[in-house]
Amino acid sequence: MTAQTRTDASVRDPLAGTVFEDARAQTLEDLTGVVGRARACAALGVSRATYYRHHRTSWQPV
């Protein structure tokens, strides 16, 4: 058995993950106006719970 090496972009470039996340968040906002939040989340593979958790305006649990 050989050791498996990770070659995805986030390992080579630490900013690659944040660039992707930023682009996906912007696309989600753009799609929300067209098809609604639930369908936009489904199309992009984003959990609605995760979306709402990241965009809540209430207090954060301690």
C-alpha atoms as a PDB file:
ATOM      1  CA  MET A   1       0.000   0.000   0.000  1.00  0.00           C
ATOM      2  CA  THR A   2       1.324   3.449  -0.871  1.00  0.00           C
ATOM      3  CA  ALA A   3       0.850   6.654   1.044  1.00  0.00           C
ATOM      4  CA  GLN A   4      -1.696   8.958  -0.520  1.00  0.00           C
ATOM      5  CA  THR A   5      -0.591  12.546  -1.075  1.00  0.00           C
ATOM      6  CA  ARG A   6      -2.945  15.502  -1.189  1.00  0.00           C
ATOM      7  CA  THR A   7      -2.519  17.671  -4.224  1.00  0.00           C
ATOM      8  CA  ASP A   8      -5.625  19.817  -4.046  1.00  0.00           C
ATOM      9  CA  ALA A   9      -5.267  23.570  -4.459  1.00  0.00           C
ATOM     10  CA  SER A  10      -5.976  24.448  -0.831  1.00  0.00           C
ATOM     11  CA  VAL A  11      -2.875  22.538   0.291  1.00  0.00           C
ATOM     12  CA  ARG A  12      -0.603  24.212  -2.263  1.00  0.00           C
ATOM     13  CA  ASP A  13      -2.090  27.672  -1.825  1.00  0.00           C
ATOM     14  CA  PRO A  14      -3.728  28.531   1.512  1.00  0.00           C
ATOM     15  CA  LEU A  15      -5.714  31.358  -0.124  1.00  0.00           C
ATOM     16  CA  ALA A  16      -7.253  29.056  -2.745  1.00  0.00           C
ATOM     17  CA  GLY A  17      -9.942  27.886  -0.318  1.00  0.00           C
ATOM     18  CA  THR A  18     -10.912  31.401   0.671  1.00  0.00           C
ATOM     19  CA  VAL A  19     -11.023  32.566  -2.946  1.00  0.00           C
ATOM     20  CA  PHE A  20     -13.361  29.683  -3.772  1.00  0.00           C
ATOM     21  CA  GLU A  21     -15.525  30.354  -0.731  1.00  0.00           C
ATOM     22  CA  ASP A  22     -15.753  34.054  -1.572  1.00  0.00           C
ATOM     23  CA  ALA A  23     -16.753  33.279  -5.163  1.00  0.00           C
ATOM     24  CA  ARG A  24     -19.326  30.713  -4.021  1.00  0.00           C
ATOM     25  CA  ALA A  25     -20.801  33.164  -1.495  1.00  0.00           C
ATOM     26  CA  GLN A  26     -21.108  35.861  -4.162  1.00  0.00           C
ATOM     27  CA  THR A  27     -22.702  33.414  -6.595  1.00  0.00           C
ATOM     28  CA  LEU A  28     -25.115  32.314  -3.881  1.00  0.00           C
ATOM     29  CA  GLU A  29     -26.191  35.914  -3.316  1.00  0.00           C
ATOM     30  CA  ASP A  30     -26.625  36.465  -7.063  1.00  0.00           C
ATOM     31  CA  LEU A  31     -28.661  33.267  -7.521  1.00  0.00           C
ATOM     32  CA  THR A  32     -30.816  33.972  -4.478  1.00  0.00           C
ATOM     33  CA  GLY A  33     -32.392  36.925  -6.240  1.00  0.00           C
ATOM     34  CA  VAL A  34     -33.218  34.771  -9.250  1.00  0.00           C
ATOM     35  CA  VAL A  35     -34.321  31.375  -7.889  1.00  0.00           C
ATOM     36  CA  GLY A  36     -34.607  31.855  -4.120  1.00  0.00           C
ATOM     37  CA  ARG A  37     -32.281  30.917  -1.300  1.00  0.00           C
ATOM     38  CA  ALA A  38     -33.243  27.234  -0.955  1.00  0.00           C
ATOM     39  CA  ARG A  39     -32.707  26.495  -4.650  1.00  0.00           C
ATOM     40  CA  ALA A  40     -29.500  28.539  -4.782  1.00  0.00           C
ATOM     41  CA  CYS A  41     -28.089  26.636  -1.819  1.00  0.00           C
ATOM     42  CA  ALA A  42     -29.067  23.306  -3.392  1.00  0.00           C
ATOM     43  CA  ALA A  43     -27.507  24.253  -6.728  1.00  0.00           C
ATOM     44  CA  LEU A  44     -24.202  25.218  -5.114  1.00  0.00           C
ATOM     45  CA  GLY A  45     -24.098  22.397  -2.563  1.00  0.00           C
ATOM     46  CA  VAL A  46     -24.314  24.750   0.403  1.00  0.00           C
ATOM     47  CA  SER A  47     -26.284  23.704   3.463  1.00  0.00           C
ATOM     48  CA  ARG A  48     -28.965  26.283   4.250  1.00  0.00           C
ATOM     49  CA  ALA A  49     -28.186  25.852   7.946  1.00  0.00           C
ATOM     50  CA  THR A  50     -24.558  26.748   7.270  1.00  0.00           C
ATOM     51  CA  TYR A  51     -25.623  29.762   5.236  1.00  0.00           C
ATOM     52  CA  TYR A  52     -27.915  31.046   7.972  1.00  0.00           C
ATOM     53  CA  ARG A  53     -25.348  30.329  10.675  1.00  0.00           C
ATOM     54  CA  HIS A  54     -22.762  32.441   8.858  1.00  0.00           C
ATOM     55  CA  HIS A  55     -25.222  35.261   8.187  1.00  0.00           C
ATOM     56  CA  ARG A  56     -27.094  35.513  11.460  1.00  0.00           C
ATOM     57  CA  THR A  57     -27.363  38.832  13.205  1.00  0.00           C
ATOM     58  CA  SER A  58     -28.223  37.492  16.643  1.00  0.00           C
ATOM     59  CA  TRP A  59     -25.702  36.901  19.409  1.00  0.00           C
ATOM     60  CA  GLN A  60     -23.188  34.106  19.121  1.00  0.00           C
ATOM     61  CA  PRO A  61     -23.316  31.299  21.716  1.00  0.00           C
ATOM     62  CA  VAL A  62     -20.474  31.312  24.216  1.00  0.00           C
END
